[in-house]
PDB file of all heavy atoms in Angstrom:
ATOM      1  N   GLY A   1      88.189 111.074 106.885  1.00  0.00           N
ATOM      2  CA  GLY A   1      87.985 111.594 108.214  1.00  0.00           C
ATOM      3  C   GLY A   1      86.813 110.971 108.924  1.00  0.00           C
ATOM      4  O   GLY A   1      86.314 109.910 108.534  1.00  0.00           O
ATOM      5  N   TRP A   2      86.385 111.676 109.960  1.00  0.00           N
ATOM      6  CA  TRP A   2      85.327 111.177 110.840  1.00  0.00           C
ATOM      7  C   TRP A   2      84.318 112.276 111.148  1.00  0.00           C
ATOM      8  O   TRP A   2      84.703 113.424 111.421  1.00  0.00           O
ATOM      9  CB  TRP A   2      85.930 110.681 112.157  1.00  0.00           C
ATOM     10  CG  TRP A   2      86.818 109.503 111.971  1.00  0.00           C
ATOM     11  CD1 TRP A   2      88.164 109.513 111.730  1.00  0.00           C
ATOM     12  CD2 TRP A   2      86.427 108.132 111.961  1.00  0.00           C
ATOM     13  NE1 TRP A   2      88.632 108.235 111.577  1.00  0.00           N
ATOM     14  CE2 TRP A   2      87.592 107.364 111.726  1.00  0.00           C
ATOM     15  CE3 TRP A   2      85.220 107.455 112.151  1.00  0.00           C
ATOM     16  CZ2 TRP A   2      87.575 105.970 111.660  1.00  0.00           C
ATOM     17  CZ3 TRP A   2      85.200 106.082 112.087  1.00  0.00           C
ATOM     18  CH2 TRP A   2      86.368 105.353 111.845  1.00  0.00           C
ATOM     19  N   TYR A   3      83.059 111.898 111.085  1.00  0.00           N
ATOM     20  CA  TYR A   3      81.947 112.715 111.544  1.00  0.00           C
ATOM     21  C   TYR A   3      81.250 111.933 112.651  1.00  0.00           C
ATOM     22  O   TYR A   3      81.456 110.736 112.817  1.00  0.00           O
ATOM     23  CB  TYR A   3      80.974 112.983 110.395  1.00  0.00           C
ATOM     24  CG  TYR A   3      81.425 114.045 109.423  1.00  0.00           C
ATOM     25  CD1 TYR A   3      82.537 113.853 108.601  1.00  0.00           C
ATOM     26  CD2 TYR A   3      80.719 115.235 109.301  1.00  0.00           C
ATOM     27  CE1 TYR A   3      82.950 114.835 107.713  1.00  0.00           C
ATOM     28  CE2 TYR A   3      81.101 116.216 108.409  1.00  0.00           C
ATOM     29  CZ  TYR A   3      82.218 116.010 107.618  1.00  0.00           C
ATOM     30  OH  TYR A   3      82.613 116.981 106.740  1.00  0.00           O
ATOM     31  N   ARG A   4      80.416 112.623 113.387  1.00  0.00           N
ATOM     32  CA  ARG A   4      79.627 111.938 114.416  1.00  0.00           C
ATOM     33  C   ARG A   4      78.235 112.526 114.502  1.00  0.00           C
ATOM     34  O   ARG A   4      78.014 113.696 114.171  1.00  0.00           O
ATOM     35  CB  ARG A   4      80.323 112.003 115.774  1.00  0.00           C
ATOM     36  CG  ARG A   4      80.426 113.388 116.380  1.00  0.00           C
ATOM     37  CD  ARG A   4      81.284 113.341 117.658  1.00  0.00           C
ATOM     38  NE  ARG A   4      81.448 114.665 118.263  1.00  0.00           N
ATOM     39  CZ  ARG A   4      82.258 114.909 119.287  1.00  0.00           C
ATOM     40  NH1 ARG A   4      82.965 113.910 119.839  1.00  0.00           N
ATOM     41  NH2 ARG A   4      82.353 116.131 119.774  1.00  0.00           N
ATOM     42  N   GLN A   5      77.311 111.679 114.969  1.00  0.00           N
ATOM     43  CA  GLN A   5      75.932 112.095 115.111  1.00  0.00           C
ATOM     44  C   GLN A   5      75.382 111.564 116.419  1.00  0.00           C
ATOM     45  O   GLN A   5      75.288 110.349 116.615  1.00  0.00           O
ATOM     46  CB  GLN A   5      75.088 111.590 113.933  1.00  0.00           C
ATOM     47  CG  GLN A   5      73.681 112.117 113.916  1.00  0.00           C
ATOM     48  CD  GLN A   5      72.975 111.820 112.601  1.00  0.00           C
ATOM     49  OE1 GLN A   5      73.377 110.960 111.835  1.00  0.00           O
ATOM     50  NE2 GLN A   5      71.920 112.571 112.325  1.00  0.00           N
ATOM     51  N   ALA A   6      75.045 112.488 117.302  1.00  0.00           N
ATOM     52  CA  ALA A   6      74.417 112.139 118.566  1.00  0.00           C
ATOM     53  C   ALA A   6      72.902 112.063 118.360  1.00  0.00           C
ATOM     54  O   ALA A   6      72.374 112.655 117.416  1.00  0.00           O
ATOM     55  CB  ALA A   6      74.765 113.171 119.619  1.00  0.00           C
ATOM     56  N   PRO A   7      72.185 111.348 119.237  1.00  0.00           N
ATOM     57  CA  PRO A   7      70.736 111.221 119.080  1.00  0.00           C
ATOM     58  C   PRO A   7      70.049 112.586 119.017  1.00  0.00           C
ATOM     59  O   PRO A   7      70.318 113.464 119.859  1.00  0.00           O
ATOM     60  CB  PRO A   7      70.322 110.450 120.326  1.00  0.00           C
ATOM     61  CG  PRO A   7      71.530 109.668 120.706  1.00  0.00           C
ATOM     62  CD  PRO A   7      72.688 110.536 120.358  1.00  0.00           C
ATOM     63  N   GLY A   8      69.224 112.769 118.024  1.00  0.00           N
ATOM     64  CA  GLY A   8      68.474 114.000 117.888  1.00  0.00           C
ATOM     65  C   GLY A   8      69.255 115.178 117.351  1.00  0.00           C
ATOM     66  O   GLY A   8      68.735 116.299 117.299  1.00  0.00           O
ATOM     67  N   LYS A   9      70.497 114.940 116.941  1.00  0.00           N
ATOM     68  CA  LYS A   9      71.336 116.032 116.446  1.00  0.00           C
ATOM     69  C   LYS A   9      71.802 115.730 115.028  1.00  0.00           C
ATOM     70  O   LYS A   9      71.698 114.624 114.533  1.00  0.00           O
ATOM     71  CB  LYS A   9      72.535 116.240 117.364  1.00  0.00           C
ATOM     72  CG  LYS A   9      72.152 116.683 118.774  1.00  0.00           C
ATOM     73  CD  LYS A   9      73.378 117.047 119.587  1.00  0.00           C
ATOM     74  CE  LYS A   9      72.992 117.562 120.956  1.00  0.00           C
ATOM     75  NZ  LYS A   9      74.181 117.944 121.762  1.00  0.00           N
ATOM     76  N   GLN A  10      72.334 116.753 114.379  1.00  0.00           N
ATOM     77  CA  GLN A  10      72.831 116.576 113.025  1.00  0.00           C
ATOM     78  C   GLN A  10      74.210 115.936 113.051  1.00  0.00           C
ATOM     79  O   GLN A  10      74.874 115.884 114.086  1.00  0.00           O
ATOM     80  CB  GLN A  10      72.900 117.925 112.315  1.00  0.00           C
ATOM     81  CG  GLN A  10      73.936 118.885 112.906  1.00  0.00           C
ATOM     82  CD  GLN A  10      73.958 120.219 112.184  1.00  0.00           C
ATOM     83  OE1 GLN A  10      73.028 120.573 111.458  1.00  0.00           O
ATOM     84  NE2 GLN A  10      75.026 120.974 112.351  1.00  0.00           N
ATOM     85  N   ARG A  11      74.624 115.453 111.896  1.00  0.00           N
ATOM     86  CA  ARG A  11      75.945 114.848 111.759  1.00  0.00           C
ATOM     87  C   ARG A  11      76.976 115.971 111.620  1.00  0.00           C
ATOM     88  O   ARG A  11      76.853 116.838 110.758  1.00  0.00           O
ATOM     89  CB  ARG A  11      75.995 113.932 110.539  1.00  0.00           C
ATOM     90  CG  ARG A  11      77.245 113.107 110.441  1.00  0.00           C
ATOM     91  CD  ARG A  11      77.177 112.142 109.264  1.00  0.00           C
ATOM     92  NE  ARG A  11      76.075 111.182 109.386  1.00  0.00           N
ATOM     93  CZ  ARG A  11      75.878 110.175 108.535  1.00  0.00           C
ATOM     94  NH1 ARG A  11      76.728 110.001 107.512  1.00  0.00           N
ATOM     95  NH2 ARG A  11      74.859 109.365 108.693  1.00  0.00           N
ATOM     96  N   ASP A  12      77.976 115.935 112.479  1.00  0.00           N
ATOM     97  CA  ASP A  12      78.969 117.004 112.518  1.00  0.00           C
ATOM     98  C   ASP A  12      80.378 116.462 112.316  1.00  0.00           C
ATOM     99  O   ASP A  12      80.689 115.333 112.688  1.00  0.00           O
ATOM    100  CB  ASP A  12      78.935 117.729 113.871  1.00  0.00           C
ATOM    101  CG  ASP A  12      77.675 118.544 114.070  1.00  0.00           C
ATOM    102  OD1 ASP A  12      77.160 119.103 113.081  1.00  0.00           O
ATOM    103  OD2 ASP A  12      77.197 118.618 115.216  1.00  0.00           O
ATOM    104  N   LEU A  13      81.209 117.315 111.785  1.00  0.00           N
ATOM    105  CA  LEU A  13      82.613 116.965 111.573  1.00  0.00           C
ATOM    106  C   LEU A  13      83.328 116.790 112.916  1.00  0.00           C
ATOM    107  O   LEU A  13      83.106 117.570 113.845  1.00  0.00           O
ATOM    108  CB  LEU A  13      83.294 118.053 110.762  1.00  0.00           C
ATOM    109  CG  LEU A  13      84.783 117.857 110.427  1.00  0.00           C
ATOM    110  CD1 LEU A  13      85.082 118.451 109.050  1.00  0.00           C
ATOM    111  CD2 LEU A  13      85.693 118.499 111.456  1.00  0.00           C
ATOM    112  N   VAL A  14      84.169 115.757 112.993  1.00  0.00           N
ATOM    113  CA  VAL A  14      85.036 115.569 114.146  1.00  0.00           C
ATOM    114  C   VAL A  14      86.473 115.917 113.765  1.00  0.00           C
ATOM    115  O   VAL A  14      87.115 116.760 114.368  1.00  0.00           O
ATOM    116  CB  VAL A  14      84.974 114.120 114.659  1.00  0.00           C
ATOM    117  CG1 VAL A  14      85.953 113.923 115.822  1.00  0.00           C
ATOM    118  CG2 VAL A  14      83.558 113.760 115.074  1.00  0.00           C
ATOM    119  N   ALA A  15      86.974 115.227 112.738  1.00  0.00           N
ATOM    120  CA  ALA A  15      88.348 115.464 112.287  1.00  0.00           C
ATOM    121  C   ALA A  15      88.491 114.929 110.866  1.00  0.00           C
ATOM    122  O   ALA A  15      87.884 113.915 110.519  1.00  0.00           O
ATOM    123  CB  ALA A  15      89.359 114.776 113.196  1.00  0.00           C
ATOM    124  N   ILE A  16      89.265 115.635 110.064  1.00  0.00           N
ATOM    125  CA  ILE A  16      89.571 115.185 108.715  1.00  0.00           C
ATOM    126  C   ILE A  16      91.056 115.344 108.450  1.00  0.00           C
ATOM    127  O   ILE A  16      91.740 116.135 109.113  1.00  0.00           O
ATOM    128  CB  ILE A  16      88.765 115.946 107.635  1.00  0.00           C
ATOM    129  CG1 ILE A  16      88.983 117.444 107.752  1.00  0.00           C
ATOM    130  CG2 ILE A  16      87.302 115.564 107.676  1.00  0.00           C
ATOM    131  CD1 ILE A  16      88.342 118.252 106.631  1.00  0.00           C
ATOM    132  N   ILE A  17      91.529 114.563 107.474  1.00  0.00           N
ATOM    133  CA  ILE A  17      92.937 114.627 107.100  1.00  0.00           C
ATOM    134  C   ILE A  17      93.028 114.485 105.588  1.00  0.00           C
ATOM    135  O   ILE A  17      92.319 113.687 104.981  1.00  0.00           O
ATOM    136  CB  ILE A  17      93.752 113.523 107.819  1.00  0.00           C
ATOM    137  CG1 ILE A  17      95.242 113.684 107.552  1.00  0.00           C
ATOM    138  CG2 ILE A  17      93.273 112.121 107.445  1.00  0.00           C
ATOM    139  CD1 ILE A  17      96.118 112.829 108.485  1.00  0.00           C
ATOM    140  N   THR A  18      93.865 115.292 104.984  1.00  0.00           N
ATOM    141  CA  THR A  18      94.054 115.215 103.543  1.00  0.00           C
ATOM    142  C   THR A  18      95.102 114.157 103.211  1.00  0.00           C
ATOM    143  O   THR A  18      95.852 113.701 104.087  1.00  0.00           O
ATOM    144  CB  THR A  18      94.518 116.559 102.977  1.00  0.00           C
ATOM    145  OG1 THR A  18      95.859 116.818 103.434  1.00  0.00           O
ATOM    146  CG2 THR A  18      93.599 117.686 103.409  1.00  0.00           C
ATOM    147  N   ARG A  19      95.172 113.817 101.953  1.00  0.00           N
ATOM    148  CA  ARG A  19      96.167 112.854 101.523  1.00  0.00           C
ATOM    149  C   ARG A  19      97.570 113.360 101.834  1.00  0.00           C
ATOM    150  O   ARG A  19      98.473 112.588 102.137  1.00  0.00           O
ATOM    151  CB  ARG A  19      96.017 112.592 100.023  1.00  0.00           C
ATOM    152  CG  ARG A  19      96.950 111.531  99.501  1.00  0.00           C
ATOM    153  CD  ARG A  19      96.656 111.196  98.045  1.00  0.00           C
ATOM    154  NE  ARG A  19      97.618 110.244  97.531  1.00  0.00           N
ATOM    155  CZ  ARG A  19      97.564 108.942  97.758  1.00  0.00           C
ATOM    156  NH1 ARG A  19      96.575 108.439  98.488  1.00  0.00           N
ATOM    157  NH2 ARG A  19      98.486 108.131  97.268  1.00  0.00           N
ATOM    158  N   GLY A  20      97.739 114.670 101.811  1.00  0.00           N
ATOM    159  CA  GLY A  20      99.034 115.263 102.117  1.00  0.00           C
ATOM    160  C   GLY A  20      99.339 115.364 103.603  1.00  0.00           C
ATOM    161  O   GLY A  20     100.466 115.704 103.980  1.00  0.00           O
ATOM    162  N   GLY A  21      98.338 115.089 104.441  1.00  0.00           N
ATOM    163  CA  GLY A  21      98.588 115.076 105.875  1.00  0.00           C
ATOM    164  C   GLY A  21      98.070 116.274 106.656  1.00  0.00           C
ATOM    165  O   GLY A  21      98.242 116.331 107.873  1.00  0.00           O
ATOM    166  N   SER A  22      97.434 117.213 105.987  1.00  0.00           N
ATOM    167  CA  SER A  22      96.871 118.352 106.709  1.00  0.00           C
ATOM    168  C   SER A  22      95.635 117.905 107.479  1.00  0.00           C
ATOM    169  O   SER A  22      94.820 117.146 106.962  1.00  0.00           O
ATOM    170  CB  SER A  22      96.503 119.467 105.732  1.00  0.00           C
ATOM    171  OG  SER A  22      97.661 119.945 105.066  1.00  0.00           O
ATOM    172  N   THR A  23      95.495 118.415 108.702  1.00  0.00           N
ATOM    173  CA  THR A  23      94.400 117.987 109.571  1.00  0.00           C
ATOM    174  C   THR A  23      93.528 119.161 109.987  1.00  0.00           C
ATOM    175  O   THR A  23      93.985 120.312 110.068  1.00  0.00           O
ATOM    176  CB  THR A  23      94.939 117.297 110.833  1.00  0.00           C
ATOM    177  OG1 THR A  23      95.793 118.209 111.532  1.00  0.00           O
ATOM    178  CG2 THR A  23      95.729 116.052 110.477  1.00  0.00           C
ATOM    179  N   THR A  24      92.281 118.843 110.270  1.00  0.00           N
ATOM    180  CA  THR A  24      91.317 119.789 110.811  1.00  0.00           C
ATOM    181  C   THR A  24      90.524 119.077 111.893  1.00  0.00           C
ATOM    182  O   THR A  24      90.083 117.941 111.688  1.00  0.00           O
ATOM    183  CB  THR A  24      90.356 120.296 109.726  1.00  0.00           C
ATOM    184  OG1 THR A  24      91.102 120.956 108.694  1.00  0.00           O
ATOM    185  CG2 THR A  24      89.339 121.263 110.307  1.00  0.00           C
ATOM    186  N   TYR A  25      90.362 119.748 113.034  1.00  0.00           N
ATOM    187  CA  TYR A  25      89.613 119.193 114.153  1.00  0.00           C
ATOM    188  C   TYR A  25      88.521 120.169 114.568  1.00  0.00           C
ATOM    189  O   TYR A  25      88.716 121.392 114.526  1.00  0.00           O
ATOM    190  CB  TYR A  25      90.513 118.961 115.366  1.00  0.00           C
ATOM    191  CG  TYR A  25      91.604 117.941 115.175  1.00  0.00           C
ATOM    192  CD1 TYR A  25      92.861 118.316 114.715  1.00  0.00           C
ATOM    193  CD2 TYR A  25      91.385 116.596 115.475  1.00  0.00           C
ATOM    194  CE1 TYR A  25      93.872 117.379 114.541  1.00  0.00           C
ATOM    195  CE2 TYR A  25      92.393 115.649 115.309  1.00  0.00           C
ATOM    196  CZ  TYR A  25      93.632 116.052 114.847  1.00  0.00           C
ATOM    197  OH  TYR A  25      94.631 115.123 114.689  1.00  0.00           O
ATOM    198  N   VAL A  26      87.408 119.645 115.027  1.00  0.00           N
ATOM    199  CA  VAL A  26      86.424 120.493 115.676  1.00  0.00           C
ATOM    200  C   VAL A  26      87.018 120.932 117.014  1.00  0.00           C
ATOM    201  O   VAL A  26      87.791 120.189 117.642  1.00  0.00           O
ATOM    202  CB  VAL A  26      85.091 119.743 115.859  1.00  0.00           C
ATOM    203  CG1 VAL A  26      85.211 118.592 116.838  1.00  0.00           C
ATOM    204  CG2 VAL A  26      83.991 120.706 116.266  1.00  0.00           C
ATOM    205  N   ASP A  27      86.688 122.126 117.440  1.00  0.00           N
ATOM    206  CA  ASP A  27      87.310 122.686 118.648  1.00  0.00           C
ATOM    207  C   ASP A  27      87.139 121.786 119.871  1.00  0.00           C
ATOM    208  O   ASP A  27      88.043 121.675 120.712  1.00  0.00           O
ATOM    209  CB  ASP A  27      86.713 124.066 118.945  1.00  0.00           C
ATOM    210  CG  ASP A  27      87.203 125.125 117.982  1.00  0.00           C
ATOM    211  OD1 ASP A  27      88.181 124.866 117.258  1.00  0.00           O
ATOM    212  OD2 ASP A  27      86.593 126.210 117.957  1.00  0.00           O
ATOM    213  N   SER A  28      86.004 121.128 119.982  1.00  0.00           N
ATOM    214  CA  SER A  28      85.700 120.361 121.190  1.00  0.00           C
ATOM    215  C   SER A  28      86.587 119.122 121.370  1.00  0.00           C
ATOM    216  O   SER A  28      86.638 118.558 122.463  1.00  0.00           O
ATOM    217  CB  SER A  28      84.234 119.943 121.187  1.00  0.00           C
ATOM    218  OG  SER A  28      83.954 119.142 120.064  1.00  0.00           O
ATOM    219  N   VAL A  29      87.276 118.689 120.318  1.00  0.00           N
ATOM    220  CA  VAL A  29      88.134 117.509 120.436  1.00  0.00           C
ATOM    221  C   VAL A  29      89.612 117.859 120.300  1.00  0.00           C
ATOM    222  O   VAL A  29      90.470 116.983 120.474  1.00  0.00           O
ATOM    223  CB  VAL A  29      87.766 116.423 119.411  1.00  0.00           C
ATOM    224  CG1 VAL A  29      86.287 116.105 119.468  1.00  0.00           C
ATOM    225  CG2 VAL A  29      88.183 116.800 118.001  1.00  0.00           C
ATOM    226  N   GLN A  30      89.904 119.108 119.987  1.00  0.00           N
ATOM    227  CA  GLN A  30      91.298 119.532 119.825  1.00  0.00           C
ATOM    228  C   GLN A  30      92.092 119.206 121.079  1.00  0.00           C
ATOM    229  O   GLN A  30      91.671 119.514 122.189  1.00  0.00           O
ATOM    230  CB  GLN A  30      91.335 121.041 119.543  1.00  0.00           C
ATOM    231  CG  GLN A  30      92.698 121.580 119.182  1.00  0.00           C
ATOM    232  CD  GLN A  30      93.065 121.286 117.738  1.00  0.00           C
ATOM    233  OE1 GLN A  30      92.223 121.329 116.852  1.00  0.00           O
ATOM    234  NE2 GLN A  30      94.314 120.986 117.508  1.00  0.00           N
ATOM    235  N   GLY A  31      93.233 118.572 120.895  1.00  0.00           N
ATOM    236  CA  GLY A  31      94.085 118.202 122.024  1.00  0.00           C
ATOM    237  C   GLY A  31      93.747 116.875 122.663  1.00  0.00           C
ATOM    238  O   GLY A  31      94.530 116.341 123.459  1.00  0.00           O
ATOM    239  N   ARG A  32      92.590 116.317 122.318  1.00  0.00           N
ATOM    240  CA  ARG A  32      92.198 115.016 122.878  1.00  0.00           C
ATOM    241  C   ARG A  32      92.194 113.917 121.810  1.00  0.00           C
ATOM    242  O   ARG A  32      92.494 112.759 122.114  1.00  0.00           O
ATOM    243  CB  ARG A  32      90.801 115.109 123.502  1.00  0.00           C
ATOM    244  CG  ARG A  32      90.697 116.105 124.629  1.00  0.00           C
ATOM    245  CD  ARG A  32      89.340 115.990 125.332  1.00  0.00           C
ATOM    246  NE  ARG A  32      88.226 116.324 124.453  1.00  0.00           N
ATOM    247  CZ  ARG A  32      87.215 115.495 124.200  1.00  0.00           C
ATOM    248  NH1 ARG A  32      87.179 114.287 124.729  1.00  0.00           N
ATOM    249  NH2 ARG A  32      86.226 115.885 123.394  1.00  0.00           N
ATOM    250  N   PHE A  33      91.828 114.275 120.601  1.00  0.00           N
ATOM    251  CA  PHE A  33      91.734 113.312 119.501  1.00  0.00           C
ATOM    252  C   PHE A  33      92.879 113.553 118.520  1.00  0.00           C
ATOM    253  O   PHE A  33      93.297 114.702 118.305  1.00  0.00           O
ATOM    254  CB  PHE A  33      90.422 113.465 118.745  1.00  0.00           C
ATOM    255  CG  PHE A  33      89.184 113.068 119.508  1.00  0.00           C
ATOM    256  CD1 PHE A  33      89.211 112.783 120.869  1.00  0.00           C
ATOM    257  CD2 PHE A  33      87.968 112.978 118.843  1.00  0.00           C
ATOM    258  CE1 PHE A  33      88.069 112.418 121.550  1.00  0.00           C
ATOM    259  CE2 PHE A  33      86.810 112.611 119.520  1.00  0.00           C
ATOM    260  CZ  PHE A  33      86.861 112.347 120.876  1.00  0.00           C
ATOM    261  N   THR A  34      93.357 112.462 117.917  1.00  0.00           N
ATOM    262  CA  THR A  34      94.391 112.558 116.900  1.00  0.00           C
ATOM    263  C   THR A  34      94.002 111.701 115.702  1.00  0.00           C
ATOM    264  O   THR A  34      93.711 110.511 115.857  1.00  0.00           O
ATOM    265  CB  THR A  34      95.743 112.080 117.434  1.00  0.00           C
ATOM    266  OG1 THR A  34      96.101 112.853 118.593  1.00  0.00           O
ATOM    267  CG2 THR A  34      96.827 112.253 116.381  1.00  0.00           C
ATOM    268  N   ILE A  35      93.991 112.318 114.537  1.00  0.00           N
ATOM    269  CA  ILE A  35      93.676 111.588 113.313  1.00  0.00           C
ATOM    270  C   ILE A  35      94.968 111.277 112.567  1.00  0.00           C
ATOM    271  O   ILE A  35      95.900 112.090 112.555  1.00  0.00           O
ATOM    272  CB  ILE A  35      92.699 112.412 112.428  1.00  0.00           C
ATOM    273  CG1 ILE A  35      92.154 111.549 111.292  1.00  0.00           C
ATOM    274  CG2 ILE A  35      93.350 113.689 111.904  1.00  0.00           C
ATOM    275  CD1 ILE A  35      90.987 112.198 110.550  1.00  0.00           C
ATOM    276  N   SER A  36      95.007 110.098 111.973  1.00  0.00           N
ATOM    277  CA  SER A  36      96.178 109.689 111.192  1.00  0.00           C
ATOM    278  C   SER A  36      95.711 108.874 110.002  1.00  0.00           C
ATOM    279  O   SER A  36      94.581 108.375 109.995  1.00  0.00           O
ATOM    280  CB  SER A  36      97.157 108.876 112.044  1.00  0.00           C
ATOM    281  OG  SER A  36      96.528 107.730 112.563  1.00  0.00           O
ATOM    282  N   ARG A  37      96.581 108.740 108.987  1.00  0.00           N
ATOM    283  CA  ARG A  37      96.163 108.000 107.805  1.00  0.00           C
ATOM    284  C   ARG A  37      97.312 107.182 107.249  1.00  0.00           C
ATOM    285  O   ARG A  37      98.482 107.436 107.540  1.00  0.00           O
ATOM    286  CB  ARG A  37      95.607 108.952 106.743  1.00  0.00           C
ATOM    287  CG  ARG A  37      96.629 109.516 105.724  1.00  0.00           C
ATOM    288  CD  ARG A  37      97.449 110.624 106.300  1.00  0.00           C
ATOM    289  NE  ARG A  37      98.263 111.280 105.286  1.00  0.00           N
ATOM    290  CZ  ARG A  37      99.576 111.406 105.377  1.00  0.00           C
ATOM    291  NH1 ARG A  37     100.225 110.891 106.426  1.00  0.00           N
ATOM    292  NH2 ARG A  37     100.254 112.045 104.439  1.00  0.00           N
ATOM    293  N   ASP A  38      96.941 106.182 106.465  1.00  0.00           N
ATOM    294  CA  ASP A  38      97.906 105.368 105.727  1.00  0.00           C
ATOM    295  C   ASP A  38      97.463 105.413 104.274  1.00  0.00           C
ATOM    296  O   ASP A  38      96.473 104.776 103.908  1.00  0.00           O
ATOM    297  CB  ASP A  38      97.912 103.945 106.279  1.00  0.00           C
ATOM    298  CG  ASP A  38      98.976 103.075 105.634  1.00  0.00           C
ATOM    299  OD1 ASP A  38      99.225 103.237 104.420  1.00  0.00           O
ATOM    300  OD2 ASP A  38      99.531 102.217 106.317  1.00  0.00           O
ATOM    301  N   ASN A  39      98.178 106.155 103.482  1.00  0.00           N
ATOM    302  CA  ASN A  39      97.763 106.338 102.088  1.00  0.00           C
ATOM    303  C   ASN A  39      97.768 105.025 101.310  1.00  0.00           C
ATOM    304  O   ASN A  39      96.878 104.781 100.495  1.00  0.00           O
ATOM    305  CB  ASN A  39      98.675 107.344 101.401  1.00  0.00           C
ATOM    306  CG  ASN A  39      98.445 108.761 101.887  1.00  0.00           C
ATOM    307  OD1 ASN A  39      97.391 109.074 102.435  1.00  0.00           O
ATOM    308  ND2 ASN A  39      99.423 109.621 101.697  1.00  0.00           N
ATOM    309  N   ALA A  40      98.745 104.194 101.549  1.00  0.00           N
ATOM    310  CA  ALA A  40      98.852 102.941 100.802  1.00  0.00           C
ATOM    311  C   ALA A  40      97.659 102.031 101.087  1.00  0.00           C
ATOM    312  O   ALA A  40      97.168 101.340 100.194  1.00  0.00           O
ATOM    313  CB  ALA A  40     100.151 102.238 101.136  1.00  0.00           C
ATOM    314  N   LYS A  41      97.205 102.049 102.322  1.00  0.00           N
ATOM    315  CA  LYS A  41      96.080 101.192 102.712  1.00  0.00           C
ATOM    316  C   LYS A  41      94.740 101.884 102.539  1.00  0.00           C
ATOM    317  O   LYS A  41      93.703 101.246 102.722  1.00  0.00           O
ATOM    318  CB  LYS A  41      96.247 100.758 104.166  1.00  0.00           C
ATOM    319  CG  LYS A  41      97.464  99.877 104.430  1.00  0.00           C
ATOM    320  CD  LYS A  41      97.533  99.487 105.892  1.00  0.00           C
ATOM    321  CE  LYS A  41      98.739  98.596 106.169  1.00  0.00           C
ATOM    322  NZ  LYS A  41      98.840  98.221 107.615  1.00  0.00           N
TER     323      LYS A  41
END
């Protein structure tokens, strides 16, 4: 997945995805960001 850190702030979760395809998004990016994965790669 992806985390982000703005200047002067802590590192926070943006979005994660499991090997099985389950996803979790922080509320502020829901509907705007999409996470995807390629297990083979």
